[in-house]
């Protein structure tokens, strides 16, 4: 089994979001609002973090 971890804005921690995987990227939505976009990971058990996601506005 492969496990991937992608960051989302801190305000969404613990909430259910919708994830749309595409060939080369992954887009995360909160309702209709796009909240994150990441390059898809290939390496097993990889992580992709955007530091801006952890800074609350």
PDB file of N, CA and C in Angstrom:
ATOM      1  N   UNK A   1       0.838  -1.178   0.000  1.00  0.00           N
ATOM      2  CA  UNK A   1       0.000   0.000   0.000  1.00  0.00           C
ATOM      3  C   UNK A   1       0.888   1.248   0.000  1.00  0.00           C
ATOM      4  N   UNK A   2       0.507   2.231  -0.792  1.00  0.00           N
ATOM      5  CA  UNK A   2       1.234   3.491  -0.834  1.00  0.00           C
ATOM      6  C   UNK A   2       0.468   4.547  -0.059  1.00  0.00           C
ATOM      7  N   UNK A   3       1.188   5.325   0.701  1.00  0.00           N
ATOM      8  CA  UNK A   3       0.573   6.397   1.488  1.00  0.00           C
ATOM      9  C   UNK A   3       1.246   7.701   1.102  1.00  0.00           C
ATOM     10  N   UNK A   4       0.425   8.695   0.756  1.00  0.00           N
ATOM     11  CA  UNK A   4       0.931  10.007   0.395  1.00  0.00           C
ATOM     12  C   UNK A   4       0.315  11.037   1.324  1.00  0.00           C
ATOM     13  N   UNK A   5       1.076  12.057   1.637  1.00  0.00           N
ATOM     14  CA  UNK A   5       0.586  13.123   2.508  1.00  0.00           C
ATOM     15  C   UNK A   5       0.821  14.460   1.820  1.00  0.00           C
ATOM     16  N   UNK A   6      -0.235  15.253   1.738  1.00  0.00           N
ATOM     17  CA  UNK A   6      -0.163  16.575   1.148  1.00  0.00           C
ATOM     18  C   UNK A   6      -0.693  17.576   2.169  1.00  0.00           C
ATOM     19  N   UNK A   7      -0.137  18.764   2.188  1.00  0.00           N
ATOM     20  CA  UNK A   7      -0.589  19.772   3.142  1.00  0.00           C
ATOM     21  C   UNK A   7      -1.833  20.500   2.633  1.00  0.00           C
ATOM     22  N   UNK A   8      -2.595  21.008   3.576  1.00  0.00           N
ATOM     23  CA  UNK A   8      -3.741  21.880   3.307  1.00  0.00           C
ATOM     24  C   UNK A   8      -3.638  23.049   4.278  1.00  0.00           C
ATOM     25  N   UNK A   9      -4.356  24.143   4.024  1.00  0.00           N
ATOM     26  CA  UNK A   9      -4.340  25.252   4.980  1.00  0.00           C
ATOM     27  C   UNK A   9      -4.745  24.784   6.375  1.00  0.00           C
ATOM     28  N   UNK A  10      -4.112  25.361   7.376  1.00  0.00           N
ATOM     29  CA  UNK A  10      -4.298  24.951   8.763  1.00  0.00           C
ATOM     30  C   UNK A  10      -5.773  25.009   9.196  1.00  0.00           C
ATOM     31  N   UNK A  11      -6.546  25.903   8.635  1.00  0.00           N
ATOM     32  CA  UNK A  11      -7.968  26.029   9.009  1.00  0.00           C
ATOM     33  C   UNK A  11      -8.783  24.795   8.618  1.00  0.00           C
ATOM     34  N   UNK A  12      -8.225  23.933   7.778  1.00  0.00           N
ATOM     35  CA  UNK A  12      -8.958  22.753   7.316  1.00  0.00           C
ATOM     36  C   UNK A  12      -8.579  21.472   8.047  1.00  0.00           C
ATOM     37  N   UNK A  13      -7.675  21.562   8.985  1.00  0.00           N
ATOM     38  CA  UNK A  13      -7.272  20.368   9.730  1.00  0.00           C
ATOM     39  C   UNK A  13      -8.488  19.779  10.441  1.00  0.00           C
ATOM     40  N   UNK A  14      -8.712  18.488  10.231  1.00  0.00           N
ATOM     41  CA  UNK A  14      -9.834  17.795  10.854  1.00  0.00           C
ATOM     42  C   UNK A  14     -11.125  17.862  10.045  1.00  0.00           C
ATOM     43  N   UNK A  15     -11.122  18.608   8.946  1.00  0.00           N
ATOM     44  CA  UNK A  15     -12.325  18.717   8.108  1.00  0.00           C
ATOM     45  C   UNK A  15     -12.205  17.795   6.907  1.00  0.00           C
ATOM     46  N   UNK A  16     -13.348  17.427   6.351  1.00  0.00           N
ATOM     47  CA  UNK A  16     -13.367  16.615   5.146  1.00  0.00           C
ATOM     48  C   UNK A  16     -13.266  17.537   3.935  1.00  0.00           C
ATOM     49  N   UNK A  17     -12.348  17.234   3.035  1.00  0.00           N
ATOM     50  CA  UNK A  17     -12.170  18.003   1.810  1.00  0.00           C
ATOM     51  C   UNK A  17     -12.293  17.052   0.618  1.00  0.00           C
ATOM     52  N   UNK A  18     -12.447  17.621  -0.552  1.00  0.00           N
ATOM     53  CA  UNK A  18     -12.539  16.825  -1.782  1.00  0.00           C
ATOM     54  C   UNK A  18     -11.202  16.911  -2.505  1.00  0.00           C
ATOM     55  N   UNK A  19     -10.691  15.765  -2.918  1.00  0.00           N
ATOM     56  CA  UNK A  19      -9.398  15.698  -3.599  1.00  0.00           C
ATOM     57  C   UNK A  19      -9.633  15.200  -5.023  1.00  0.00           C
ATOM     58  N   UNK A  20      -9.106  15.975  -5.981  1.00  0.00           N
ATOM     59  CA  UNK A  20      -9.240  15.616  -7.390  1.00  0.00           C
ATOM     60  C   UNK A  20      -7.844  15.307  -7.940  1.00  0.00           C
ATOM     61  N   UNK A  21      -7.528  14.027  -8.126  1.00  0.00           N
ATOM     62  CA  UNK A  21      -6.220  13.678  -8.684  1.00  0.00           C
ATOM     63  C   UNK A  21      -6.239  13.815 -10.207  1.00  0.00           C
ATOM     64  N   UNK A  22      -5.196  14.384 -10.757  1.00  0.00           N
ATOM     65  CA  UNK A  22      -5.007  14.496 -12.197  1.00  0.00           C
ATOM     66  C   UNK A  22      -3.694  13.806 -12.532  1.00  0.00           C
ATOM     67  N   UNK A  23      -3.345  13.726 -13.796  1.00  0.00           N
ATOM     68  CA  UNK A  23      -2.144  12.992 -14.217  1.00  0.00           C
ATOM     69  C   UNK A  23      -0.881  13.491 -13.524  1.00  0.00           C
ATOM     70  N   UNK A  24      -0.719  14.807 -13.407  1.00  0.00           N
ATOM     71  CA  UNK A  24       0.531  15.328 -12.861  1.00  0.00           C
ATOM     72  C   UNK A  24       0.354  16.165 -11.609  1.00  0.00           C
ATOM     73  N   UNK A  25      -0.887  16.384 -11.187  1.00  0.00           N
ATOM     74  CA  UNK A  25      -1.119  17.196  -9.990  1.00  0.00           C
ATOM     75  C   UNK A  25      -2.340  16.727  -9.231  1.00  0.00           C
ATOM     76  N   UNK A  26      -2.475  17.240  -8.034  1.00  0.00           N
ATOM     77  CA  UNK A  26      -3.571  16.909  -7.141  1.00  0.00           C
ATOM     78  C   UNK A  26      -4.167  18.241  -6.673  1.00  0.00           C
ATOM     79  N   UNK A  27      -5.494  18.389  -6.780  1.00  0.00           N
ATOM     80  CA  UNK A  27      -6.151  19.633  -6.393  1.00  0.00           C
ATOM     81  C   UNK A  27      -7.099  19.328  -5.236  1.00  0.00           C
ATOM     82  N   UNK A  28      -7.053  20.157  -4.197  1.00  0.00           N
ATOM     83  CA  UNK A  28      -7.868  19.975  -2.990  1.00  0.00           C
ATOM     84  C   UNK A  28      -8.899  21.098  -2.934  1.00  0.00           C
ATOM     85  N   UNK A  29     -10.158  20.718  -2.684  1.00  0.00           N
ATOM     86  CA  UNK A  29     -11.255  21.677  -2.604  1.00  0.00           C
ATOM     87  C   UNK A  29     -11.947  21.609  -1.248  1.00  0.00           C
ATOM     88  N   UNK A  30     -12.338  22.759  -0.748  1.00  0.00           N
ATOM     89  CA  UNK A  30     -13.222  22.875   0.415  1.00  0.00           C
ATOM     90  C   UNK A  30     -14.523  23.420  -0.152  1.00  0.00           C
ATOM     91  N   UNK A  31     -15.500  22.544  -0.331  1.00  0.00           N
ATOM     92  CA  UNK A  31     -16.701  22.934  -1.057  1.00  0.00           C
ATOM     93  C   UNK A  31     -16.315  23.195  -2.505  1.00  0.00           C
ATOM     94  N   UNK A  32     -16.606  24.393  -3.009  1.00  0.00           N
ATOM     95  CA  UNK A  32     -16.228  24.752  -4.379  1.00  0.00           C
ATOM     96  C   UNK A  32     -14.927  25.538  -4.449  1.00  0.00           C
ATOM     97  N   UNK A  33     -14.364  25.859  -3.302  1.00  0.00           N
ATOM     98  CA  UNK A  33     -13.143  26.665  -3.252  1.00  0.00           C
ATOM     99  C   UNK A  33     -11.897  25.787  -3.356  1.00  0.00           C
ATOM    100  N   UNK A  34     -11.042  26.090  -4.308  1.00  0.00           N
ATOM    101  CA  UNK A  34      -9.760  25.396  -4.403  1.00  0.00           C
ATOM    102  C   UNK A  34      -8.862  25.914  -3.289  1.00  0.00           C
ATOM    103  N   UNK A  35      -8.370  25.005  -2.460  1.00  0.00           N
ATOM    104  CA  UNK A  35      -7.573  25.424  -1.304  1.00  0.00           C
ATOM    105  C   UNK A  35      -6.119  24.978  -1.382  1.00  0.00           C
ATOM    106  N   UNK A  36      -5.799  24.042  -2.260  1.00  0.00           N
ATOM    107  CA  UNK A  36      -4.414  23.588  -2.401  1.00  0.00           C
ATOM    108  C   UNK A  36      -4.238  22.910  -3.748  1.00  0.00           C
ATOM    109  N   UNK A  37      -3.029  23.008  -4.261  1.00  0.00           N
ATOM    110  CA  UNK A  37      -2.656  22.358  -5.519  1.00  0.00           C
ATOM    111  C   UNK A  37      -1.215  21.885  -5.361  1.00  0.00           C
ATOM    112  N   UNK A  38      -0.991  20.596  -5.627  1.00  0.00           N
ATOM    113  CA  UNK A  38       0.336  20.015  -5.446  1.00  0.00           C
ATOM    114  C   UNK A  38       0.711  19.169  -6.660  1.00  0.00           C
ATOM    115  N   UNK A  39       2.002  19.092  -6.934  1.00  0.00           N
ATOM    116  CA  UNK A  39       2.516  18.137  -7.905  1.00  0.00           C
ATOM    117  C   UNK A  39       2.320  16.752  -7.297  1.00  0.00           C
ATOM    118  N   UNK A  40       1.829  15.804  -8.091  1.00  0.00           N
ATOM    119  CA  UNK A  40       1.603  14.459  -7.550  1.00  0.00           C
ATOM    120  C   UNK A  40       2.906  13.789  -7.165  1.00  0.00           C
ATOM    121  N   UNK A  41       2.857  13.085  -6.059  1.00  0.00           N
ATOM    122  CA  UNK A  41       4.014  12.344  -5.571  1.00  0.00           C
ATOM    123  C   UNK A  41       4.079  10.976  -6.233  1.00  0.00           C
ATOM    124  N   UNK A  42       5.281  10.505  -6.441  1.00  0.00           N
ATOM    125  CA  UNK A  42       5.482   9.182  -7.026  1.00  0.00           C
ATOM    126  C   UNK A  42       6.158   8.254  -6.027  1.00  0.00           C
ATOM    127  N   UNK A  43       7.096   8.792  -5.254  1.00  0.00           N
ATOM    128  CA  UNK A  43       7.846   7.981  -4.290  1.00  0.00           C
ATOM    129  C   UNK A  43       6.919   7.411  -3.216  1.00  0.00           C
ATOM    130  N   UNK A  44       7.148   6.192  -2.868  1.00  0.00           N
ATOM    131  CA  UNK A  44       6.347   5.518  -1.848  1.00  0.00           C
ATOM    132  C   UNK A  44       6.443   6.253  -0.510  1.00  0.00           C
ATOM    133  N   UNK A  45       5.300   6.414   0.160  1.00  0.00           N
ATOM    134  CA  UNK A  45       5.212   7.072   1.463  1.00  0.00           C
ATOM    135  C   UNK A  45       5.769   8.497   1.444  1.00  0.00           C
ATOM    136  N   UNK A  46       5.573   9.208   0.353  1.00  0.00           N
ATOM    137  CA  UNK A  46       6.084  10.567   0.213  1.00  0.00           C
ATOM    138  C   UNK A  46       5.202  11.602   0.887  1.00  0.00           C
ATOM    139  N   UNK A  47       5.764  12.797   1.055  1.00  0.00           N
ATOM    140  CA  UNK A  47       5.035  13.925   1.636  1.00  0.00           C
ATOM    141  C   UNK A  47       5.316  15.166   0.810  1.00  0.00           C
ATOM    142  N   UNK A  48       4.321  16.023   0.689  1.00  0.00           N
ATOM    143  CA  UNK A  48       4.487  17.304   0.002  1.00  0.00           C
ATOM    144  C   UNK A  48       3.905  18.371   0.905  1.00  0.00           C
ATOM    145  N   UNK A  49       4.753  19.281   1.359  1.00  0.00           N
ATOM    146  CA  UNK A  49       4.322  20.329   2.273  1.00  0.00           C
ATOM    147  C   UNK A  49       4.549  21.698   1.653  1.00  0.00           C
ATOM    148  N   UNK A  50       3.578  22.555   1.804  1.00  0.00           N
ATOM    149  CA  UNK A  50       3.708  23.959   1.433  1.00  0.00           C
ATOM    150  C   UNK A  50       3.727  24.731   2.742  1.00  0.00           C
ATOM    151  N   UNK A  51       4.819  25.392   3.041  1.00  0.00           N
ATOM    152  CA  UNK A  51       4.938  26.083   4.326  1.00  0.00           C
ATOM    153  C   UNK A  51       3.867  27.147   4.509  1.00  0.00           C
ATOM    154  N   UNK A  52       3.415  27.776   3.448  1.00  0.00           N
ATOM    155  CA  UNK A  52       2.359  28.790   3.552  1.00  0.00           C
ATOM    156  C   UNK A  52       1.060  28.209   4.115  1.00  0.00           C
ATOM    157  N   UNK A  53       0.838  26.897   3.931  1.00  0.00           N
ATOM    158  CA  UNK A  53      -0.373  26.267   4.469  1.00  0.00           C
ATOM    159  C   UNK A  53      -0.414  26.307   5.994  1.00  0.00           C
ATOM    160  N   UNK A  54       0.749  26.392   6.617  1.00  0.00           N
ATOM    161  CA  UNK A  54       0.815  26.342   8.063  1.00  0.00           C
ATOM    162  C   UNK A  54       0.766  27.712   8.730  1.00  0.00           C
ATOM    163  N   UNK A  55       0.750  28.755   7.935  1.00  0.00           N
ATOM    164  CA  UNK A  55       0.685  30.110   8.462  1.00  0.00           C
ATOM    165  C   UNK A  55      -0.748  30.608   8.360  1.00  0.00           C
ATOM    166  N   UNK A  56      -1.418  30.740   9.478  1.00  0.00           N
ATOM    167  CA  UNK A  56      -2.812  31.214   9.478  1.00  0.00           C
ATOM    168  C   UNK A  56      -2.834  32.693   9.109  1.00  0.00           C
ATOM    169  N   UNK A  57      -3.798  33.101   8.266  1.00  0.00           N
ATOM    170  CA  UNK A  57      -3.872  34.512   7.869  1.00  0.00           C
ATOM    171  C   UNK A  57      -4.291  35.417   9.013  1.00  0.00           C
TER     172      UNK A  57
END
